[in-house]
């Protein structure tokens, strides 16, 4: 990699394809010593499902001598920021690939929520009639006075990590089953000093896994916006069946343990022969169960069965949804 500062002639050569596309260099924001070129922001008006946003581009040389182009979309009004990055050797090709990705794939608006998704484009250019292969690395969701961040791991079988923090001062606490009512794969909320943490399982591999993560973020946005636009008592009333279903799922690990203990106590009274295959299965059950335990995606929590917890009347102050459309009910 050339570590010398960018010269005037180098900058002119690098930005030539950008200039043809109406992109103007922001010399004040550029760093010639770090060999990074910034371009002036472009303001975009709101359109269907996409909020008004500011777009900026940054081109920087990488240690291997190649170039990385980063497009940043920032929603107007202290909204989330979405980034799209791609690396390669030809800046003009990188620009064409970035411009081929519609803003709606990075920045999405719904009833009462805005979602920003950070993507990476793969290292090879797609065929003219094929879409670019993108990998989502993180999603940032603003909904109902909350900021929810989901980190999407690249390894299949590993759950996505979720962190939730307060964006406003109207929140006192959140029910621990706030995400679990969305169905299987969602975990309970754990309160911490700075907010809440959770996780969710993702299905599929590769691109299907990233699509599942985006679908879960959109559904969470709809659910959170609606929930926090209503009084806490309405949450308990509207989602009563879903909350009881969560309570039942939480009881499964304990029920399984009790069933195994009961089965172990019952087998000797069945009068089975020592040569029976059932005895061999019983003899090998402990290591088999231990292997099954460690092969699970998440370590199960063994808790006593209990009904859904009451939601405090002052848990949050409802924030109205600025939309005439009605979010879907969690299923």
C-alpha atoms as a PDB file:
ATOM      1  CA  UNK A   1       0.000   0.000   0.000  1.00  0.00           C
ATOM      2  CA  UNK A   2       1.200   3.513  -0.843  1.00  0.00           C
ATOM      3  CA  UNK A   3       1.481   5.397   2.467  1.00  0.00           C
ATOM      4  CA  UNK A   4       2.259   8.787   0.904  1.00  0.00           C
ATOM      5  CA  UNK A   5      -0.503  11.418   1.101  1.00  0.00           C
ATOM      6  CA  UNK A   6      -2.823  11.629  -1.860  1.00  0.00           C
ATOM      7  CA  UNK A   7      -1.630  14.089  -4.474  1.00  0.00           C
ATOM      8  CA  UNK A   8      -3.855  16.471  -6.378  1.00  0.00           C
ATOM      9  CA  UNK A   9      -3.481  14.413  -9.551  1.00  0.00           C
ATOM     10  CA  UNK A  10      -4.324  11.161  -7.728  1.00  0.00           C
ATOM     11  CA  UNK A  11      -7.487  12.708  -6.324  1.00  0.00           C
ATOM     12  CA  UNK A  12      -8.546  13.919  -9.770  1.00  0.00           C
ATOM     13  CA  UNK A  13      -8.047  10.441 -11.246  1.00  0.00           C
ATOM     14  CA  UNK A  14      -9.894   8.684  -8.414  1.00  0.00           C
ATOM     15  CA  UNK A  15     -12.933  10.976  -8.355  1.00  0.00           C
ATOM     16  CA  UNK A  16     -13.382  11.160 -12.130  1.00  0.00           C
ATOM     17  CA  UNK A  17     -16.120   8.454 -12.233  1.00  0.00           C
ATOM     18  CA  UNK A  18     -17.757  10.096  -9.205  1.00  0.00           C
ATOM     19  CA  UNK A  19     -17.753  13.521 -10.882  1.00  0.00           C
ATOM     20  CA  UNK A  20     -19.525  12.045 -13.904  1.00  0.00           C
ATOM     21  CA  UNK A  21     -22.280  10.925 -11.527  1.00  0.00           C
ATOM     22  CA  UNK A  22     -22.607  14.393  -9.985  1.00  0.00           C
ATOM     23  CA  UNK A  23     -20.608  13.582  -6.850  1.00  0.00           C
ATOM     24  CA  UNK A  24     -18.508  16.490  -5.589  1.00  0.00           C
ATOM     25  CA  UNK A  25     -15.476  16.113  -3.334  1.00  0.00           C
ATOM     26  CA  UNK A  26     -15.631  17.539   0.193  1.00  0.00           C
ATOM     27  CA  UNK A  27     -12.012  18.616   0.674  1.00  0.00           C
ATOM     28  CA  UNK A  28     -12.608  19.797   4.236  1.00  0.00           C
ATOM     29  CA  UNK A  29     -13.874  16.350   5.293  1.00  0.00           C
ATOM     30  CA  UNK A  30     -11.242  14.424   3.299  1.00  0.00           C
ATOM     31  CA  UNK A  31      -7.950  13.224   4.762  1.00  0.00           C
ATOM     32  CA  UNK A  32      -5.152  13.172   2.202  1.00  0.00           C
ATOM     33  CA  UNK A  33      -2.624  11.733   4.685  1.00  0.00           C
ATOM     34  CA  UNK A  34      -4.935   8.796   5.510  1.00  0.00           C
ATOM     35  CA  UNK A  35      -5.699   8.488   1.776  1.00  0.00           C
ATOM     36  CA  UNK A  36      -9.430   8.961   2.327  1.00  0.00           C
ATOM     37  CA  UNK A  37     -11.714  11.041   0.106  1.00  0.00           C
ATOM     38  CA  UNK A  38     -15.086  12.279   1.349  1.00  0.00           C
ATOM     39  CA  UNK A  39     -17.874  13.510  -0.905  1.00  0.00           C
ATOM     40  CA  UNK A  40     -20.433  16.193  -0.209  1.00  0.00           C
ATOM     41  CA  UNK A  41     -23.749  15.049   1.263  1.00  0.00           C
ATOM     42  CA  UNK A  42     -26.836  14.718  -0.906  1.00  0.00           C
ATOM     43  CA  UNK A  43     -30.265  15.348   0.610  1.00  0.00           C
ATOM     44  CA  UNK A  44     -33.071  12.981  -0.388  1.00  0.00           C
ATOM     45  CA  UNK A  45     -36.772  13.643   0.181  1.00  0.00           C
ATOM     46  CA  UNK A  46     -39.002  11.039   1.812  1.00  0.00           C
ATOM     47  CA  UNK A  47     -40.747   8.500  -0.383  1.00  0.00           C
ATOM     48  CA  UNK A  48     -42.823   5.408   0.177  1.00  0.00           C
ATOM     49  CA  UNK A  49     -41.336   3.325   3.013  1.00  0.00           C
ATOM     50  CA  UNK A  50     -38.124   5.419   2.975  1.00  0.00           C
ATOM     51  CA  UNK A  51     -37.716   8.445   5.292  1.00  0.00           C
ATOM     52  CA  UNK A  52     -36.028  11.674   4.279  1.00  0.00           C
ATOM     53  CA  UNK A  53     -32.299  11.144   4.613  1.00  0.00           C
ATOM     54  CA  UNK A  54     -28.817  12.488   3.943  1.00  0.00           C
ATOM     55  CA  UNK A  55     -26.463  10.410   1.802  1.00  0.00           C
ATOM     56  CA  UNK A  56     -22.666  10.619   2.037  1.00  0.00           C
ATOM     57  CA  UNK A  57     -19.876   8.640   0.356  1.00  0.00           C
ATOM     58  CA  UNK A  58     -16.353   7.955   1.576  1.00  0.00           C
ATOM     59  CA  UNK A  59     -13.554   6.288  -0.418  1.00  0.00           C
ATOM     60  CA  UNK A  60     -10.511   5.013   1.502  1.00  0.00           C
ATOM     61  CA  UNK A  61      -7.492   2.963   0.526  1.00  0.00           C
ATOM     62  CA  UNK A  62      -7.072  -0.369   2.325  1.00  0.00           C
ATOM     63  CA  UNK A  63      -3.862  -1.964   3.682  1.00  0.00           C
ATOM     64  CA  UNK A  64      -3.812  -4.409   0.754  1.00  0.00           C
ATOM     65  CA  UNK A  65      -3.788  -1.532  -1.727  1.00  0.00           C
ATOM     66  CA  UNK A  66      -7.424  -1.853  -2.732  1.00  0.00           C
ATOM     67  CA  UNK A  67     -10.220   0.601  -2.022  1.00  0.00           C
ATOM     68  CA  UNK A  68     -13.279   0.570   0.214  1.00  0.00           C
ATOM     69  CA  UNK A  69     -16.344   2.659  -0.583  1.00  0.00           C
ATOM     70  CA  UNK A  70     -18.834   3.338   2.206  1.00  0.00           C
ATOM     71  CA  UNK A  71     -22.284   4.828   1.648  1.00  0.00           C
ATOM     72  CA  UNK A  72     -23.944   6.294   4.726  1.00  0.00           C
ATOM     73  CA  UNK A  73     -27.651   7.082   4.884  1.00  0.00           C
ATOM     74  CA  UNK A  74     -28.726   9.139   7.895  1.00  0.00           C
ATOM     75  CA  UNK A  75     -32.422   9.602   8.568  1.00  0.00           C
ATOM     76  CA  UNK A  76     -33.371  13.239   9.109  1.00  0.00           C
ATOM     77  CA  UNK A  77     -34.302  14.183  12.650  1.00  0.00           C
ATOM     78  CA  UNK A  78     -31.858  12.212  14.805  1.00  0.00           C
ATOM     79  CA  UNK A  79     -32.814   8.987  13.082  1.00  0.00           C
ATOM     80  CA  UNK A  80     -30.691   5.851  12.713  1.00  0.00           C
ATOM     81  CA  UNK A  81     -27.700   5.618  10.378  1.00  0.00           C
ATOM     82  CA  UNK A  82     -27.332   2.860   7.750  1.00  0.00           C
ATOM     83  CA  UNK A  83     -24.039   1.949   6.099  1.00  0.00           C
ATOM     84  CA  UNK A  84     -23.220  -0.030   2.981  1.00  0.00           C
ATOM     85  CA  UNK A  85     -19.611  -0.975   2.302  1.00  0.00           C
ATOM     86  CA  UNK A  86     -17.885  -2.669  -0.605  1.00  0.00           C
ATOM     87  CA  UNK A  87     -14.213  -3.261  -1.364  1.00  0.00           C
ATOM     88  CA  UNK A  88     -12.327  -3.701  -4.636  1.00  0.00           C
ATOM     89  CA  UNK A  89      -9.625  -2.317  -6.893  1.00  0.00           C
ATOM     90  CA  UNK A  90     -11.640  -0.030  -9.195  1.00  0.00           C
ATOM     91  CA  UNK A  91     -13.399   2.933  -7.495  1.00  0.00           C
ATOM     92  CA  UNK A  92     -15.687   3.412 -10.511  1.00  0.00           C
ATOM     93  CA  UNK A  93     -16.892  -0.184 -10.267  1.00  0.00           C
ATOM     94  CA  UNK A  94     -17.459   0.213  -6.532  1.00  0.00           C
ATOM     95  CA  UNK A  95     -19.588   3.309  -7.142  1.00  0.00           C
ATOM     96  CA  UNK A  96     -21.710   1.487  -9.729  1.00  0.00           C
ATOM     97  CA  UNK A  97     -22.289  -1.376  -7.320  1.00  0.00           C
ATOM     98  CA  UNK A  98     -23.282   0.919  -4.469  1.00  0.00           C
ATOM     99  CA  UNK A  99     -25.649   2.959  -6.631  1.00  0.00           C
ATOM    100  CA  UNK A 100     -27.330  -0.270  -7.785  1.00  0.00           C
ATOM    101  CA  UNK A 101     -28.545  -0.843  -4.207  1.00  0.00           C
ATOM    102  CA  UNK A 102     -31.765   1.044  -3.538  1.00  0.00           C
ATOM    103  CA  UNK A 103     -31.966   3.078  -0.349  1.00  0.00           C
ATOM    104  CA  UNK A 104     -35.058   1.074   0.642  1.00  0.00           C
ATOM    105  CA  UNK A 105     -32.760  -1.888   1.302  1.00  0.00           C
ATOM    106  CA  UNK A 106     -30.853   0.106   3.909  1.00  0.00           C
ATOM    107  CA  UNK A 107     -33.319   2.553   5.436  1.00  0.00           C
ATOM    108  CA  UNK A 108     -36.944   1.558   6.018  1.00  0.00           C
ATOM    109  CA  UNK A 109     -39.836   3.427   7.608  1.00  0.00           C
ATOM    110  CA  UNK A 110     -42.984   1.872   9.045  1.00  0.00           C
ATOM    111  CA  UNK A 111     -45.861   3.007  11.260  1.00  0.00           C
ATOM    112  CA  UNK A 112     -44.045   4.534  14.225  1.00  0.00           C
ATOM    113  CA  UNK A 113     -40.623   3.035  13.504  1.00  0.00           C
ATOM    114  CA  UNK A 114     -37.492   3.554  11.404  1.00  0.00           C
ATOM    115  CA  UNK A 115     -35.003   0.784  10.658  1.00  0.00           C
ATOM    116  CA  UNK A 116     -31.410   1.169   9.457  1.00  0.00           C
ATOM    117  CA  UNK A 117     -29.512  -1.914   8.273  1.00  0.00           C
ATOM    118  CA  UNK A 118     -25.757  -2.110   7.791  1.00  0.00           C
ATOM    119  CA  UNK A 119     -24.722  -4.222   4.789  1.00  0.00           C
ATOM    120  CA  UNK A 120     -21.584  -5.557   3.198  1.00  0.00           C
ATOM    121  CA  UNK A 121     -21.440  -6.341  -0.506  1.00  0.00           C
ATOM    122  CA  UNK A 122     -19.459  -9.404  -1.510  1.00  0.00           C
ATOM    123  CA  UNK A 123     -16.117  -9.017  -3.207  1.00  0.00           C
ATOM    124  CA  UNK A 124     -17.210  -9.862  -6.747  1.00  0.00           C
ATOM    125  CA  UNK A 125     -19.415  -7.865  -9.070  1.00  0.00           C
ATOM    126  CA  UNK A 126     -22.717  -9.578  -9.967  1.00  0.00           C
ATOM    127  CA  UNK A 127     -23.815 -10.334 -13.492  1.00  0.00           C
ATOM    128  CA  UNK A 128     -25.904  -7.574 -15.155  1.00  0.00           C
ATOM    129  CA  UNK A 129     -29.148  -9.509 -14.640  1.00  0.00           C
ATOM    130  CA  UNK A 130     -28.378 -10.641 -11.065  1.00  0.00           C
ATOM    131  CA  UNK A 131     -28.873  -8.695  -7.820  1.00  0.00           C
ATOM    132  CA  UNK A 132     -25.877  -7.887  -5.652  1.00  0.00           C
ATOM    133  CA  UNK A 133     -25.198 -10.362  -2.838  1.00  0.00           C
ATOM    134  CA  UNK A 134     -25.450  -8.451   0.433  1.00  0.00           C
ATOM    135  CA  UNK A 135     -24.788  -9.529   4.001  1.00  0.00           C
ATOM    136  CA  UNK A 136     -26.519  -7.719   6.862  1.00  0.00           C
ATOM    137  CA  UNK A 137     -24.199  -7.226   9.837  1.00  0.00           C
ATOM    138  CA  UNK A 138     -26.327  -5.053  12.129  1.00  0.00           C
ATOM    139  CA  UNK A 139     -29.768  -3.526  12.334  1.00  0.00           C
ATOM    140  CA  UNK A 140     -30.701  -0.413  14.321  1.00  0.00           C
ATOM    141  CA  UNK A 141     -34.396   0.085  15.036  1.00  0.00           C
ATOM    142  CA  UNK A 142     -35.986   3.257  16.451  1.00  0.00           C
ATOM    143  CA  UNK A 143     -39.505   2.560  17.712  1.00  0.00           C
ATOM    144  CA  UNK A 144     -41.707   3.949  20.461  1.00  0.00           C
ATOM    145  CA  UNK A 145     -38.954   5.700  22.397  1.00  0.00           C
ATOM    146  CA  UNK A 146     -36.596   2.710  22.162  1.00  0.00           C
ATOM    147  CA  UNK A 147     -33.444   2.003  20.188  1.00  0.00           C
ATOM    148  CA  UNK A 148     -33.053  -1.701  19.475  1.00  0.00           C
ATOM    149  CA  UNK A 149     -29.780  -2.975  18.000  1.00  0.00           C
ATOM    150  CA  UNK A 150     -29.467  -6.475  16.539  1.00  0.00           C
ATOM    151  CA  UNK A 151     -26.020  -7.877  15.730  1.00  0.00           C
ATOM    152  CA  UNK A 152     -26.208 -10.603  13.086  1.00  0.00           C
ATOM    153  CA  UNK A 153     -23.412 -13.206  13.383  1.00  0.00           C
ATOM    154  CA  UNK A 154     -21.988 -14.666  10.203  1.00  0.00           C
ATOM    155  CA  UNK A 155     -21.933 -18.217  11.625  1.00  0.00           C
ATOM    156  CA  UNK A 156     -25.100 -20.252  11.143  1.00  0.00           C
ATOM    157  CA  UNK A 157     -26.664 -21.640  14.309  1.00  0.00           C
ATOM    158  CA  UNK A 158     -25.617 -18.670  16.442  1.00  0.00           C
ATOM    159  CA  UNK A 159     -28.397 -16.407  17.672  1.00  0.00           C
ATOM    160  CA  UNK A 160     -28.443 -12.692  16.940  1.00  0.00           C
ATOM    161  CA  UNK A 161     -27.692 -10.497  19.949  1.00  0.00           C
ATOM    162  CA  UNK A 162     -30.184  -7.783  20.862  1.00  0.00           C
ATOM    163  CA  UNK A 163     -29.633  -4.654  22.959  1.00  0.00           C
ATOM    164  CA  UNK A 164     -32.385  -2.165  23.794  1.00  0.00           C
ATOM    165  CA  UNK A 165     -31.879   1.287  25.305  1.00  0.00           C
ATOM    166  CA  UNK A 166     -34.215   4.164  26.080  1.00  0.00           C
ATOM    167  CA  UNK A 167     -34.399   6.931  23.512  1.00  0.00           C
ATOM    168  CA  UNK A 168     -36.761   9.072  25.598  1.00  0.00           C
ATOM    169  CA  UNK A 169     -37.645   9.495  29.272  1.00  0.00           C
ATOM    170  CA  UNK A 170     -41.138   7.996  29.191  1.00  0.00           C
ATOM    171  CA  UNK A 171     -39.994   4.421  29.874  1.00  0.00           C
ATOM    172  CA  UNK A 172     -39.700   3.024  33.384  1.00  0.00           C
ATOM    173  CA  UNK A 173     -39.565  -0.702  32.672  1.00  0.00           C
ATOM    174  CA  UNK A 174     -40.466  -3.250  30.007  1.00  0.00           C
ATOM    175  CA  UNK A 175     -42.145  -6.643  30.495  1.00  0.00           C
ATOM    176  CA  UNK A 176     -39.632  -9.469  30.219  1.00  0.00           C
ATOM    177  CA  UNK A 177     -41.817 -11.231  27.620  1.00  0.00           C
ATOM    178  CA  UNK A 178     -42.025  -8.160  25.337  1.00  0.00           C
ATOM    179  CA  UNK A 179     -40.214  -9.944  22.486  1.00  0.00           C
ATOM    180  CA  UNK A 180     -41.150 -13.526  23.370  1.00  0.00           C
ATOM    181  CA  UNK A 181     -44.802 -12.842  22.515  1.00  0.00           C
ATOM    182  CA  UNK A 182     -43.673 -12.612  18.875  1.00  0.00           C
ATOM    183  CA  UNK A 183     -43.270 -16.395  18.830  1.00  0.00           C
ATOM    184  CA  UNK A 184     -40.634 -19.094  18.994  1.00  0.00           C
ATOM    185  CA  UNK A 185     -37.043 -18.057  18.516  1.00  0.00           C
ATOM    186  CA  UNK A 186     -37.369 -14.898  20.590  1.00  0.00           C
ATOM    187  CA  UNK A 187     -35.879 -14.831  24.094  1.00  0.00           C
ATOM    188  CA  UNK A 188     -36.853 -12.990  27.252  1.00  0.00           C
ATOM    189  CA  UNK A 189     -35.605  -9.498  28.066  1.00  0.00           C
ATOM    190  CA  UNK A 190     -32.940  -9.200  30.757  1.00  0.00           C
ATOM    191  CA  UNK A 191     -32.779  -5.803  32.452  1.00  0.00           C
ATOM    192  CA  UNK A 192     -29.375  -4.205  32.969  1.00  0.00           C
ATOM    193  CA  UNK A 193     -27.958  -0.889  34.172  1.00  0.00           C
ATOM    194  CA  UNK A 194     -28.138   0.696  30.707  1.00  0.00           C
ATOM    195  CA  UNK A 195     -31.152  -1.043  29.191  1.00  0.00           C
ATOM    196  CA  UNK A 196     -32.160  -4.553  28.232  1.00  0.00           C
ATOM    197  CA  UNK A 197     -30.559  -7.473  26.387  1.00  0.00           C
ATOM    198  CA  UNK A 198     -32.009 -10.461  24.594  1.00  0.00           C
ATOM    199  CA  UNK A 199     -31.386 -12.674  21.559  1.00  0.00           C
ATOM    200  CA  UNK A 200     -33.276 -14.328  18.746  1.00  0.00           C
ATOM    201  CA  UNK A 201     -32.611 -17.394  16.639  1.00  0.00           C
ATOM    202  CA  UNK A 202     -32.207 -16.986  12.886  1.00  0.00           C
ATOM    203  CA  UNK A 203     -33.229 -19.567  10.319  1.00  0.00           C
ATOM    204  CA  UNK A 204     -31.531 -20.560   7.094  1.00  0.00           C
ATOM    205  CA  UNK A 205     -28.000 -20.035   5.827  1.00  0.00           C
ATOM    206  CA  UNK A 206     -26.266 -17.271   3.913  1.00  0.00           C
ATOM    207  CA  UNK A 207     -28.634 -14.784   2.288  1.00  0.00           C
ATOM    208  CA  UNK A 208     -31.708 -16.529   3.746  1.00  0.00           C
ATOM    209  CA  UNK A 209     -30.326 -15.938   7.227  1.00  0.00           C
ATOM    210  CA  UNK A 210     -29.893 -12.218   6.596  1.00  0.00           C
ATOM    211  CA  UNK A 211     -33.398 -11.957   5.145  1.00  0.00           C
ATOM    212  CA  UNK A 212     -34.769 -13.613   8.272  1.00  0.00           C
ATOM    213  CA  UNK A 213     -32.921 -11.080  10.442  1.00  0.00           C
ATOM    214  CA  UNK A 214     -34.393  -8.171   8.469  1.00  0.00           C
ATOM    215  CA  UNK A 215     -37.889  -9.662   8.641  1.00  0.00           C
ATOM    216  CA  UNK A 216     -37.577 -10.057  12.409  1.00  0.00           C
ATOM    217  CA  UNK A 217     -36.421  -6.461  12.793  1.00  0.00           C
ATOM    218  CA  UNK A 218     -39.382  -5.154  10.792  1.00  0.00           C
ATOM    219  CA  UNK A 219     -41.824  -7.234  12.786  1.00  0.00           C
ATOM    220  CA  UNK A 220     -40.240  -6.103  16.044  1.00  0.00           C
ATOM    221  CA  UNK A 221     -40.589  -2.489  14.910  1.00  0.00           C
ATOM    222  CA  UNK A 222     -44.303  -2.892  14.219  1.00  0.00           C
ATOM    223  CA  UNK A 223     -44.820  -4.675  17.536  1.00  0.00           C
ATOM    224  CA  UNK A 224     -42.836  -2.197  19.655  1.00  0.00           C
ATOM    225  CA  UNK A 225     -44.408   0.862  18.038  1.00  0.00           C
ATOM    226  CA  UNK A 226     -47.917  -0.418  18.642  1.00  0.00           C
ATOM    227  CA  UNK A 227     -47.219  -1.674  22.168  1.00  0.00           C
ATOM    228  CA  UNK A 228     -45.643   1.587  23.330  1.00  0.00           C
ATOM    229  CA  UNK A 229     -48.397   3.675  21.740  1.00  0.00           C
ATOM    230  CA  UNK A 230     -50.933   2.030  24.065  1.00  0.00           C
ATOM    231  CA  UNK A 231     -51.241   1.983  27.856  1.00  0.00           C
ATOM    232  CA  UNK A 232     -49.402  -0.874  29.629  1.00  0.00           C
ATOM    233  CA  UNK A 233     -52.731  -2.424  30.642  1.00  0.00           C
ATOM    234  CA  UNK A 234     -53.646  -2.748  26.968  1.00  0.00           C
ATOM    235  CA  UNK A 235     -50.507  -4.811  26.332  1.00  0.00           C
ATOM    236  CA  UNK A 236     -51.520  -7.333  28.979  1.00  0.00           C
ATOM    237  CA  UNK A 237     -55.081  -7.460  27.650  1.00  0.00           C
ATOM    238  CA  UNK A 238     -54.346  -7.632  23.923  1.00  0.00           C
ATOM    239  CA  UNK A 239     -51.592 -10.234  24.203  1.00  0.00           C
ATOM    240  CA  UNK A 240     -53.017 -12.336  27.025  1.00  0.00           C
ATOM    241  CA  UNK A 241     -53.010 -15.575  25.002  1.00  0.00           C
ATOM    242  CA  UNK A 242     -49.495 -14.977  23.658  1.00  0.00           C
ATOM    243  CA  UNK A 243     -48.180 -14.269  27.170  1.00  0.00           C
ATOM    244  CA  UNK A 244     -49.671 -17.499  28.527  1.00  0.00           C
ATOM    245  CA  UNK A 245     -48.073 -19.327  25.602  1.00  0.00           C
ATOM    246  CA  UNK A 246     -44.720 -17.830  26.623  1.00  0.00           C
ATOM    247  CA  UNK A 247     -45.263 -18.995  30.202  1.00  0.00           C
ATOM    248  CA  UNK A 248     -45.954 -22.516  28.929  1.00  0.00           C
ATOM    249  CA  UNK A 249     -42.783 -22.548  26.783  1.00  0.00           C
ATOM    250  CA  UNK A 250     -40.704 -21.411  29.736  1.00  0.00           C
ATOM    251  CA  UNK A 251     -41.943 -24.425  31.719  1.00  0.00           C
ATOM    252  CA  UNK A 252     -40.753 -26.957  29.133  1.00  0.00           C
ATOM    253  CA  UNK A 253     -37.153 -27.393  30.500  1.00  0.00           C
ATOM    254  CA  UNK A 254     -38.395 -28.099  34.023  1.00  0.00           C
ATOM    255  CA  UNK A 255     -41.101 -30.468  32.752  1.00  0.00           C
ATOM    256  CA  UNK A 256     -38.457 -32.322  30.713  1.00  0.00           C
ATOM    257  CA  UNK A 257     -36.200 -32.724  33.763  1.00  0.00           C
ATOM    258  CA  UNK A 258     -39.072 -33.984  35.915  1.00  0.00           C
ATOM    259  CA  UNK A 259     -40.111 -36.427  33.190  1.00  0.00           C
ATOM    260  CA  UNK A 260     -36.574 -37.821  32.894  1.00  0.00           C
ATOM    261  CA  UNK A 261     -36.250 -38.269  36.666  1.00  0.00           C
ATOM    262  CA  UNK A 262     -39.641 -39.955  36.824  1.00  0.00           C
ATOM    263  CA  UNK A 263     -38.740 -42.248  33.923  1.00  0.00           C
ATOM    264  CA  UNK A 264     -35.448 -43.239  35.587  1.00  0.00           C
ATOM    265  CA  UNK A 265     -37.284 -44.113  38.791  1.00  0.00           C
ATOM    266  CA  UNK A 266     -39.926 -46.075  36.905  1.00  0.00           C
ATOM    267  CA  UNK A 267     -37.696 -48.316  34.732  1.00  0.00           C
ATOM    268  CA  UNK A 268     -36.459 -50.658  37.525  1.00  0.00           C
ATOM    269  CA  UNK A 269     -40.045 -51.542  38.351  1.00  0.00           C
ATOM    270  CA  UNK A 270     -40.781 -52.639  34.786  1.00  0.00           C
ATOM    271  CA  UNK A 271     -39.006 -55.996  35.226  1.00  0.00           C
ATOM    272  CA  UNK A 272     -36.874 -55.606  32.105  1.00  0.00           C
ATOM    273  CA  UNK A 273     -34.021 -58.022  31.443  1.00  0.00           C
ATOM    274  CA  UNK A 274     -30.436 -56.799  31.770  1.00  0.00           C
ATOM    275  CA  UNK A 275     -29.875 -57.909  28.165  1.00  0.00           C
ATOM    276  CA  UNK A 276     -32.718 -55.711  26.929  1.00  0.00           C
ATOM    277  CA  UNK A 277     -31.796 -52.871  24.515  1.00  0.00           C
ATOM    278  CA  UNK A 278     -33.772 -50.582  26.810  1.00  0.00           C
ATOM    279  CA  UNK A 279     -31.238 -51.164  29.586  1.00  0.00           C
ATOM    280  CA  UNK A 280     -28.409 -50.289  27.210  1.00  0.00           C
ATOM    281  CA  UNK A 281     -30.221 -47.067  26.321  1.00  0.00           C
ATOM    282  CA  UNK A 282     -30.685 -46.208  29.990  1.00  0.00           C
ATOM    283  CA  UNK A 283     -27.021 -46.937  30.719  1.00  0.00           C
ATOM    284  CA  UNK A 284     -25.895 -44.537  27.965  1.00  0.00           C
ATOM    285  CA  UNK A 285     -28.562 -41.902  28.634  1.00  0.00           C
ATOM    286  CA  UNK A 286     -26.410 -39.546  30.812  1.00  0.00           C
ATOM    287  CA  UNK A 287     -23.632 -38.915  28.234  1.00  0.00           C
ATOM    288  CA  UNK A 288     -26.200 -38.730  25.427  1.00  0.00           C
ATOM    289  CA  UNK A 289     -28.251 -36.157  27.328  1.00  0.00           C
ATOM    290  CA  UNK A 290     -25.083 -34.205  28.160  1.00  0.00           C
ATOM    291  CA  UNK A 291     -24.105 -34.109  24.477  1.00  0.00           C
ATOM    292  CA  UNK A 292     -27.638 -32.989  23.553  1.00  0.00           C
ATOM    293  CA  UNK A 293     -27.503 -30.273  26.213  1.00  0.00           C
ATOM    294  CA  UNK A 294     -24.287 -28.756  24.829  1.00  0.00           C
ATOM    295  CA  UNK A 295     -25.471 -29.022  21.215  1.00  0.00           C
ATOM    296  CA  UNK A 296     -28.424 -26.717  21.843  1.00  0.00           C
ATOM    297  CA  UNK A 297     -28.251 -23.169  20.440  1.00  0.00           C
ATOM    298  CA  UNK A 298     -29.084 -21.681  23.811  1.00  0.00           C
ATOM    299  CA  UNK A 299     -28.688 -23.120  27.290  1.00  0.00           C
ATOM    300  CA  UNK A 300     -32.230 -23.679  28.583  1.00  0.00           C
ATOM    301  CA  UNK A 301     -33.343 -21.863  31.704  1.00  0.00           C
ATOM    302  CA  UNK A 302     -34.952 -24.123  34.269  1.00  0.00           C
ATOM    303  CA  UNK A 303     -37.565 -22.051  36.096  1.00  0.00           C
ATOM    304  CA  UNK A 304     -40.677 -22.796  38.082  1.00  0.00           C
ATOM    305  CA  UNK A 305     -43.941 -22.418  36.157  1.00  0.00           C
ATOM    306  CA  UNK A 306     -45.640 -19.114  36.866  1.00  0.00           C
ATOM    307  CA  UNK A 307     -48.279 -16.937  35.222  1.00  0.00           C
ATOM    308  CA  UNK A 308     -47.296 -13.836  33.220  1.00  0.00           C
ATOM    309  CA  UNK A 309     -46.117 -11.004  35.407  1.00  0.00           C
ATOM    310  CA  UNK A 310     -48.318  -7.993  35.876  1.00  0.00           C
ATOM    311  CA  UNK A 311     -47.253  -4.939  33.876  1.00  0.00           C
ATOM    312  CA  UNK A 312     -46.973  -1.791  35.951  1.00  0.00           C
ATOM    313  CA  UNK A 313     -49.482   0.935  35.121  1.00  0.00           C
ATOM    314  CA  UNK A 314     -46.637   3.471  34.937  1.00  0.00           C
ATOM    315  CA  UNK A 315     -44.237   1.230  32.985  1.00  0.00           C
ATOM    316  CA  UNK A 316     -44.352   3.682  30.086  1.00  0.00           C
ATOM    317  CA  UNK A 317     -46.263   6.696  28.853  1.00  0.00           C
ATOM    318  CA  UNK A 318     -47.948   5.952  25.507  1.00  0.00           C
ATOM    319  CA  UNK A 319     -46.433   7.674  22.470  1.00  0.00           C
ATOM    320  CA  UNK A 320     -48.872   8.102  19.557  1.00  0.00           C
ATOM    321  CA  UNK A 321     -48.008   6.552  16.196  1.00  0.00           C
ATOM    322  CA  UNK A 322     -47.722   9.195  13.490  1.00  0.00           C
ATOM    323  CA  UNK A 323     -49.494   7.145  10.835  1.00  0.00           C
ATOM    324  CA  UNK A 324     -53.012   6.254   9.756  1.00  0.00           C
ATOM    325  CA  UNK A 325     -52.072   2.619   9.138  1.00  0.00           C
ATOM    326  CA  UNK A 326     -52.509  -0.040  11.803  1.00  0.00           C
ATOM    327  CA  UNK A 327     -49.602  -2.367  12.624  1.00  0.00           C
ATOM    328  CA  UNK A 328     -50.172  -6.087  12.359  1.00  0.00           C
ATOM    329  CA  UNK A 329     -50.890  -8.147  15.438  1.00  0.00           C
ATOM    330  CA  UNK A 330     -48.047 -10.454  16.581  1.00  0.00           C
ATOM    331  CA  UNK A 331     -48.845 -14.017  15.694  1.00  0.00           C
END
